[in-house]
Amino acid sequence: VYVGTDRVASLLRRRTDVAVAGSVGVAVATP
């Protein structure tokens, strides 16, 4: 509603390396 799925996908595709690193970091740091 407030951001838009296309914008979210576009931002993450622009920096896929950062997105993957962030996902792995959150994955390891959460129970």
PDB file of all heavy atoms in Angstrom:
ATOM      1  N   VAL A   1       0.823  -1.207   0.000  1.00  0.00           N
ATOM      2  CA  VAL A   1       0.000   0.000   0.000  1.00  0.00           C
ATOM      3  C   VAL A   1       0.858   1.258   0.000  1.00  0.00           C
ATOM      4  O   VAL A   1       0.609   2.201  -0.765  1.00  0.00           O
ATOM      5  CB  VAL A   1      -0.958  -0.004   1.206  1.00  0.00           C
ATOM      6  CG1 VAL A   1      -1.689   1.331   1.325  1.00  0.00           C
ATOM      7  CG2 VAL A   1      -1.967  -1.139   1.070  1.00  0.00           C
ATOM      8  N   TYR A   2       1.881   1.318   0.843  1.00  0.00           N
ATOM      9  CA  TYR A   2       2.622   2.562   1.062  1.00  0.00           C
ATOM     10  C   TYR A   2       3.906   2.679   0.241  1.00  0.00           C
ATOM     11  O   TYR A   2       4.413   3.785   0.063  1.00  0.00           O
ATOM     12  CB  TYR A   2       2.958   2.707   2.548  1.00  0.00           C
ATOM     13  CG  TYR A   2       1.745   2.806   3.427  1.00  0.00           C
ATOM     14  CD1 TYR A   2       1.436   1.800   4.330  1.00  0.00           C
ATOM     15  CD2 TYR A   2       0.887   3.897   3.337  1.00  0.00           C
ATOM     16  CE1 TYR A   2       0.313   1.879   5.136  1.00  0.00           C
ATOM     17  CE2 TYR A   2      -0.242   3.986   4.140  1.00  0.00           C
ATOM     18  CZ  TYR A   2      -0.531   2.974   5.038  1.00  0.00           C
ATOM     19  OH  TYR A   2      -1.647   3.052   5.827  1.00  0.00           O
ATOM     20  N   VAL A   3       4.447   1.559  -0.221  1.00  0.00           N
ATOM     21  CA  VAL A   3       5.680   1.608  -0.999  1.00  0.00           C
ATOM     22  C   VAL A   3       5.438   1.146  -2.426  1.00  0.00           C
ATOM     23  O   VAL A   3       5.835   1.813  -3.382  1.00  0.00           O
ATOM     24  CB  VAL A   3       6.785   0.742  -0.344  1.00  0.00           C
ATOM     25  CG1 VAL A   3       8.065   0.816  -1.166  1.00  0.00           C
ATOM     26  CG2 VAL A   3       7.050   1.212   1.081  1.00  0.00           C
ATOM     27  N   GLY A   4       4.771   0.010  -2.568  1.00  0.00           N
ATOM     28  CA  GLY A   4       4.555  -0.560  -3.893  1.00  0.00           C
ATOM     29  C   GLY A   4       5.495  -1.713  -4.138  1.00  0.00           C
ATOM     30  O   GLY A   4       6.711  -1.575  -3.958  1.00  0.00           O
ATOM     31  N   THR A   5       4.954  -2.859  -4.522  1.00  0.00           N
ATOM     32  CA  THR A   5       5.779  -4.054  -4.714  1.00  0.00           C
ATOM     33  C   THR A   5       6.800  -3.871  -5.828  1.00  0.00           C
ATOM     34  O   THR A   5       7.920  -4.383  -5.757  1.00  0.00           O
ATOM     35  CB  THR A   5       4.887  -5.266  -5.018  1.00  0.00           C
ATOM     36  OG1 THR A   5       4.026  -4.952  -6.134  1.00  0.00           O
ATOM     37  CG2 THR A   5       4.019  -5.619  -3.816  1.00  0.00           C
ATOM     38  N   ASP A   6       6.435  -3.129  -6.872  1.00  0.00           N
ATOM     39  CA  ASP A   6       7.386  -2.901  -7.963  1.00  0.00           C
ATOM     40  C   ASP A   6       8.591  -2.111  -7.477  1.00  0.00           C
ATOM     41  O   ASP A   6       9.730  -2.395  -7.861  1.00  0.00           O
ATOM     42  CB  ASP A   6       6.700  -2.163  -9.115  1.00  0.00           C
ATOM     43  CG  ASP A   6       5.670  -3.027  -9.825  1.00  0.00           C
ATOM     44  OD1 ASP A   6       5.755  -4.263  -9.671  1.00  0.00           O
ATOM     45  OD2 ASP A   6       4.803  -2.477 -10.514  1.00  0.00           O
ATOM     46  N   ARG A   7       8.346  -1.117  -6.621  1.00  0.00           N
ATOM     47  CA  ARG A   7       9.449  -0.302  -6.112  1.00  0.00           C
ATOM     48  C   ARG A   7      10.340  -1.123  -5.195  1.00  0.00           C
ATOM     49  O   ARG A   7      11.571  -1.011  -5.242  1.00  0.00           O
ATOM     50  CB  ARG A   7       8.898   0.915  -5.367  1.00  0.00           C
ATOM     51  CG  ARG A   7       9.976   1.870  -4.884  1.00  0.00           C
ATOM     52  CD  ARG A   7       9.380   3.094  -4.219  1.00  0.00           C
ATOM     53  NE  ARG A   7       8.563   3.854  -5.138  1.00  0.00           N
ATOM     54  CZ  ARG A   7       7.888   4.943  -4.777  1.00  0.00           C
ATOM     55  NH1 ARG A   7       7.924   5.369  -3.530  1.00  0.00           N
ATOM     56  NH2 ARG A   7       7.168   5.594  -5.668  1.00  0.00           N
ATOM     57  N   VAL A   8       9.719  -1.966  -4.335  1.00  0.00           N
ATOM     58  CA  VAL A   8      10.503  -2.822  -3.448  1.00  0.00           C
ATOM     59  C   VAL A   8      11.392  -3.754  -4.261  1.00  0.00           C
ATOM     60  O   VAL A   8      12.601  -3.882  -4.000  1.00  0.00           O
ATOM     61  CB  VAL A   8       9.580  -3.640  -2.531  1.00  0.00           C
ATOM     62  CG1 VAL A   8      10.372  -4.672  -1.748  1.00  0.00           C
ATOM     63  CG2 VAL A   8       8.831  -2.721  -1.569  1.00  0.00           C
ATOM     64  N   ALA A   9      10.803  -4.402  -5.260  1.00  0.00           N
ATOM     65  CA  ALA A   9      11.575  -5.332  -6.097  1.00  0.00           C
ATOM     66  C   ALA A   9      12.689  -4.611  -6.837  1.00  0.00           C
ATOM     67  O   ALA A   9      13.810  -5.115  -6.956  1.00  0.00           O
ATOM     68  CB  ALA A   9      10.642  -6.031  -7.078  1.00  0.00           C
ATOM     69  N   SER A  10      12.389  -3.406  -7.348  1.00  0.00           N
ATOM     70  CA  SER A  10      13.390  -2.651  -8.089  1.00  0.00           C
ATOM     71  C   SER A  10      14.562  -2.248  -7.198  1.00  0.00           C
ATOM     72  O   SER A  10      15.733  -2.369  -7.596  1.00  0.00           O
ATOM     73  CB  SER A  10      12.744  -1.397  -8.695  1.00  0.00           C
ATOM     74  OG  SER A  10      13.701  -0.603  -9.353  1.00  0.00           O
ATOM     75  N   LEU A  11      14.267  -1.801  -5.982  1.00  0.00           N
ATOM     76  CA  LEU A  11      15.335  -1.399  -5.066  1.00  0.00           C
ATOM     77  C   LEU A  11      16.236  -2.574  -4.704  1.00  0.00           C
ATOM     78  O   LEU A  11      17.462  -2.452  -4.662  1.00  0.00           O
ATOM     79  CB  LEU A  11      14.729  -0.795  -3.802  1.00  0.00           C
ATOM     80  CG  LEU A  11      14.088   0.590  -3.950  1.00  0.00           C
ATOM     81  CD1 LEU A  11      13.376   0.979  -2.661  1.00  0.00           C
ATOM     82  CD2 LEU A  11      15.126   1.637  -4.316  1.00  0.00           C
ATOM     83  N   LEU A  12      15.628  -3.736  -4.455  1.00  0.00           N
ATOM     84  CA  LEU A  12      16.414  -4.901  -4.053  1.00  0.00           C
ATOM     85  C   LEU A  12      17.192  -5.486  -5.230  1.00  0.00           C
ATOM     86  O   LEU A  12      18.295  -6.008  -5.047  1.00  0.00           O
ATOM     87  CB  LEU A  12      15.498  -5.963  -3.443  1.00  0.00           C
ATOM     88  CG  LEU A  12      14.868  -5.588  -2.100  1.00  0.00           C
ATOM     89  CD1 LEU A  12      13.918  -6.672  -1.618  1.00  0.00           C
ATOM     90  CD2 LEU A  12      15.935  -5.328  -1.044  1.00  0.00           C
ATOM     91  N   ARG A  13      16.622  -5.413  -6.423  1.00  0.00           N
ATOM     92  CA  ARG A  13      17.351  -5.916  -7.591  1.00  0.00           C
ATOM     93  C   ARG A  13      18.537  -5.009  -7.933  1.00  0.00           C
ATOM     94  O   ARG A  13      19.534  -5.459  -8.486  1.00  0.00           O
ATOM     95  CB  ARG A  13      16.410  -6.017  -8.791  1.00  0.00           C
ATOM     96  CG  ARG A  13      15.451  -7.189  -8.720  1.00  0.00           C
ATOM     97  CD  ARG A  13      14.795  -7.475 -10.049  1.00  0.00           C
ATOM     98  NE  ARG A  13      13.870  -8.590  -9.946  1.00  0.00           N
ATOM     99  CZ  ARG A  13      12.573  -8.475  -9.748  1.00  0.00           C
ATOM    100  NH1 ARG A  13      12.053  -7.261  -9.627  1.00  0.00           N
ATOM    101  NH2 ARG A  13      11.797  -9.539  -9.646  1.00  0.00           N
ATOM    102  N   ARG A  14      18.419  -3.729  -7.593  1.00  0.00           N
ATOM    103  CA  ARG A  14      19.498  -2.795  -7.883  1.00  0.00           C
ATOM    104  C   ARG A  14      20.740  -3.138  -7.075  1.00  0.00           C
ATOM    105  O   ARG A  14      21.859  -2.935  -7.516  1.00  0.00           O
ATOM    106  CB  ARG A  14      19.022  -1.374  -7.579  1.00  0.00           C
ATOM    107  CG  ARG A  14      19.771  -0.293  -8.340  1.00  0.00           C
ATOM    108  CD  ARG A  14      19.143   1.057  -8.052  1.00  0.00           C
ATOM    109  NE  ARG A  14      17.736   1.079  -8.395  1.00  0.00           N
ATOM    110  CZ  ARG A  14      16.865   1.985  -7.927  1.00  0.00           C
ATOM    111  NH1 ARG A  14      17.273   2.912  -7.082  1.00  0.00           N
ATOM    112  NH2 ARG A  14      15.614   1.944  -8.304  1.00  0.00           N
ATOM    113  N   ARG A  15      20.554  -3.631  -5.860  1.00  0.00           N
ATOM    114  CA  ARG A  15      21.677  -4.026  -5.000  1.00  0.00           C
ATOM    115  C   ARG A  15      21.435  -5.441  -4.484  1.00  0.00           C
ATOM    116  O   ARG A  15      21.187  -5.656  -3.306  1.00  0.00           O
ATOM    117  CB  ARG A  15      21.825  -3.045  -3.845  1.00  0.00           C
ATOM    118  CG  ARG A  15      22.250  -1.657  -4.242  1.00  0.00           C
ATOM    119  CD  ARG A  15      23.596  -1.628  -4.981  1.00  0.00           C
ATOM    120  NE  ARG A  15      24.654  -2.290  -4.229  1.00  0.00           N
ATOM    121  CZ  ARG A  15      25.408  -1.676  -3.335  1.00  0.00           C
ATOM    122  NH1 ARG A  15      25.222  -0.388  -3.085  1.00  0.00           N
ATOM    123  NH2 ARG A  15      26.362  -2.329  -2.694  1.00  0.00           N
ATOM    124  N   THR A  16      21.495  -6.396  -5.387  1.00  0.00           N
ATOM    125  CA  THR A  16      21.220  -7.784  -5.020  1.00  0.00           C
ATOM    126  C   THR A  16      22.224  -8.302  -4.008  1.00  0.00           C
ATOM    127  O   THR A  16      21.879  -9.059  -3.096  1.00  0.00           O
ATOM    128  CB  THR A  16      21.244  -8.679  -6.277  1.00  0.00           C
ATOM    129  OG1 THR A  16      20.301  -8.171  -7.228  1.00  0.00           O
ATOM    130  CG2 THR A  16      20.874 -10.114  -5.926  1.00  0.00           C
ATOM    131  N   ASP A  17      23.492  -7.891  -4.147  1.00  0.00           N
ATOM    132  CA  ASP A  17      24.507  -8.363  -3.213  1.00  0.00           C
ATOM    133  C   ASP A  17      24.206  -7.911  -1.788  1.00  0.00           C
ATOM    134  O   ASP A  17      24.323  -8.693  -0.828  1.00  0.00           O
ATOM    135  CB  ASP A  17      25.884  -7.877  -3.644  1.00  0.00           C
ATOM    136  CG  ASP A  17      25.922  -6.352  -3.870  1.00  0.00           C
ATOM    137  OD1 ASP A  17      24.849  -5.728  -3.951  1.00  0.00           O
ATOM    138  OD2 ASP A  17      27.037  -5.807  -3.958  1.00  0.00           O
ATOM    139  N   VAL A  18      23.792  -6.664  -1.635  1.00  0.00           N
ATOM    140  CA  VAL A  18      23.444  -6.156  -0.307  1.00  0.00           C
ATOM    141  C   VAL A  18      22.195  -6.860   0.225  1.00  0.00           C
ATOM    142  O   VAL A  18      22.112  -7.195   1.415  1.00  0.00           O
ATOM    143  CB  VAL A  18      23.234  -4.633  -0.353  1.00  0.00           C
ATOM    144  CG1 VAL A  18      22.767  -4.109   0.999  1.00  0.00           C
ATOM    145  CG2 VAL A  18      24.510  -3.924  -0.791  1.00  0.00           C
ATOM    146  N   ALA A  19      21.218  -7.096  -0.657  1.00  0.00           N
ATOM    147  CA  ALA A  19      19.987  -7.759  -0.243  1.00  0.00           C
ATOM    148  C   ALA A  19      20.254  -9.177   0.248  1.00  0.00           C
ATOM    149  O   ALA A  19      19.713  -9.617   1.267  1.00  0.00           O
ATOM    150  CB  ALA A  19      18.988  -7.781  -1.402  1.00  0.00           C
ATOM    151  N   VAL A  20      21.112  -9.916  -0.471  1.00  0.00           N
ATOM    152  CA  VAL A  20      21.436 -11.290  -0.078  1.00  0.00           C
ATOM    153  C   VAL A  20      22.213 -11.287   1.238  1.00  0.00           C
ATOM    154  O   VAL A  20      21.925 -12.084   2.149  1.00  0.00           O
ATOM    155  CB  VAL A  20      22.245 -11.983  -1.188  1.00  0.00           C
ATOM    156  CG1 VAL A  20      22.807 -13.316  -0.688  1.00  0.00           C
ATOM    157  CG2 VAL A  20      21.369 -12.220  -2.414  1.00  0.00           C
ATOM    158  N   ALA A  21      23.196 -10.403   1.355  1.00  0.00           N
ATOM    159  CA  ALA A  21      23.978 -10.326   2.592  1.00  0.00           C
ATOM    160  C   ALA A  21      23.085  -9.966   3.777  1.00  0.00           C
ATOM    161  O   ALA A  21      23.218 -10.537   4.869  1.00  0.00           O
ATOM    162  CB  ALA A  21      25.102  -9.303   2.440  1.00  0.00           C
ATOM    163  N   GLY A  22      22.165  -9.031   3.569  1.00  0.00           N
ATOM    164  CA  GLY A  22      21.244  -8.656   4.641  1.00  0.00           C
ATOM    165  C   GLY A  22      20.330  -9.795   5.032  1.00  0.00           C
ATOM    166  O   GLY A  22      20.068 -10.020   6.223  1.00  0.00           O
ATOM    167  N   SER A  23      19.829 -10.532   4.043  1.00  0.00           N
ATOM    168  CA  SER A  23      18.951 -11.666   4.331  1.00  0.00           C
ATOM    169  C   SER A  23      19.671 -12.742   5.130  1.00  0.00           C
ATOM    170  O   SER A  23      19.132 -13.286   6.091  1.00  0.00           O
ATOM    171  CB  SER A  23      18.420 -12.269   3.025  1.00  0.00           C
ATOM    172  OG  SER A  23      17.533 -11.384   2.388  1.00  0.00           O
ATOM    173  N   VAL A  24      20.908 -13.047   4.739  1.00  0.00           N
ATOM    174  CA  VAL A  24      21.685 -14.061   5.454  1.00  0.00           C
ATOM    175  C   VAL A  24      21.996 -13.581   6.870  1.00  0.00           C
ATOM    176  O   VAL A  24      21.916 -14.363   7.839  1.00  0.00           O
ATOM    177  CB  VAL A  24      22.977 -14.394   4.683  1.00  0.00           C
ATOM    178  CG1 VAL A  24      23.868 -15.314   5.508  1.00  0.00           C
ATOM    179  CG2 VAL A  24      22.643 -15.044   3.349  1.00  0.00           C
ATOM    180  N   GLY A  25      22.355 -12.310   7.014  1.00  0.00           N
ATOM    181  CA  GLY A  25      22.640 -11.776   8.341  1.00  0.00           C
ATOM    182  C   GLY A  25      21.445 -11.848   9.267  1.00  0.00           C
ATOM    183  O   GLY A  25      21.565 -12.264  10.431  1.00  0.00           O
ATOM    184  N   VAL A  26      20.276 -11.472   8.760  1.00  0.00           N
ATOM    185  CA  VAL A  26      19.056 -11.559   9.567  1.00  0.00           C
ATOM    186  C   VAL A  26      18.718 -13.011   9.876  1.00  0.00           C
ATOM    187  O   VAL A  26      18.281 -13.352  10.984  1.00  0.00           O
ATOM    188  CB  VAL A  26      17.877 -10.876   8.829  1.00  0.00           C
ATOM    189  CG1 VAL A  26      16.561 -11.124   9.557  1.00  0.00           C
ATOM    190  CG2 VAL A  26      18.133  -9.380   8.704  1.00  0.00           C
ATOM    191  N   ALA A  27      18.929 -13.891   8.897  1.00  0.00           N
ATOM    192  CA  ALA A  27      18.624 -15.309   9.089  1.00  0.00           C
ATOM    193  C   ALA A  27      19.448 -15.917  10.220  1.00  0.00           C
ATOM    194  O   ALA A  27      18.928 -16.657  11.058  1.00  0.00           O
ATOM    195  CB  ALA A  27      18.868 -16.075   7.789  1.00  0.00           C
ATOM    196  N   VAL A  28      20.735 -15.590  10.258  1.00  0.00           N
ATOM    197  CA  VAL A  28      21.618 -16.150  11.277  1.00  0.00           C
ATOM    198  C   VAL A  28      21.369 -15.509  12.641  1.00  0.00           C
ATOM    199  O   VAL A  28      21.547 -16.152  13.682  1.00  0.00           O
ATOM    200  CB  VAL A  28      23.093 -15.968  10.843  1.00  0.00           C
ATOM    201  CG1 VAL A  28      24.041 -16.412  11.949  1.00  0.00           C
ATOM    202  CG2 VAL A  28      23.373 -16.777   9.580  1.00  0.00           C
ATOM    203  N   ALA A  29      20.929 -14.267  12.648  1.00  0.00           N
ATOM    204  CA  ALA A  29      20.775 -13.534  13.905  1.00  0.00           C
ATOM    205  C   ALA A  29      19.409 -13.705  14.551  1.00  0.00           C
ATOM    206  O   ALA A  29      19.186 -13.211  15.656  1.00  0.00           O
ATOM    207  CB  ALA A  29      21.036 -12.046  13.670  1.00  0.00           C
ATOM    208  N   THR A  30      18.472 -14.391  13.900  1.00  0.00           N
ATOM    209  CA  THR A  30      17.117 -14.552  14.444  1.00  0.00           C
ATOM    210  C   THR A  30      16.852 -16.001  14.811  1.00  0.00           C
ATOM    211  O   THR A  30      17.338 -16.920  14.138  1.00  0.00           O
ATOM    212  CB  THR A  30      16.068 -14.077  13.430  1.00  0.00           C
ATOM    213  OG1 THR A  30      16.328 -14.686  12.152  1.00  0.00           O
ATOM    214  CG2 THR A  30      16.110 -12.574  13.279  1.00  0.00           C
ATOM    215  N   PRO A  31      16.063 -16.244  15.852  1.00  0.00           N
ATOM    216  CA  PRO A  31      15.828 -17.614  16.334  1.00  0.00           C
ATOM    217  C   PRO A  31      14.652 -18.300  15.642  1.00  0.00           C
ATOM    218  O   PRO A  31      13.701 -18.743  16.282  1.00  0.00           O
ATOM    219  CB  PRO A  31      15.523 -17.393  17.820  1.00  0.00           C
ATOM    220  CG  PRO A  31      14.847 -16.066  17.856  1.00  0.00           C
ATOM    221  CD  PRO A  31      15.472 -15.246  16.764  1.00  0.00           C
TER     222      PRO A  31
END
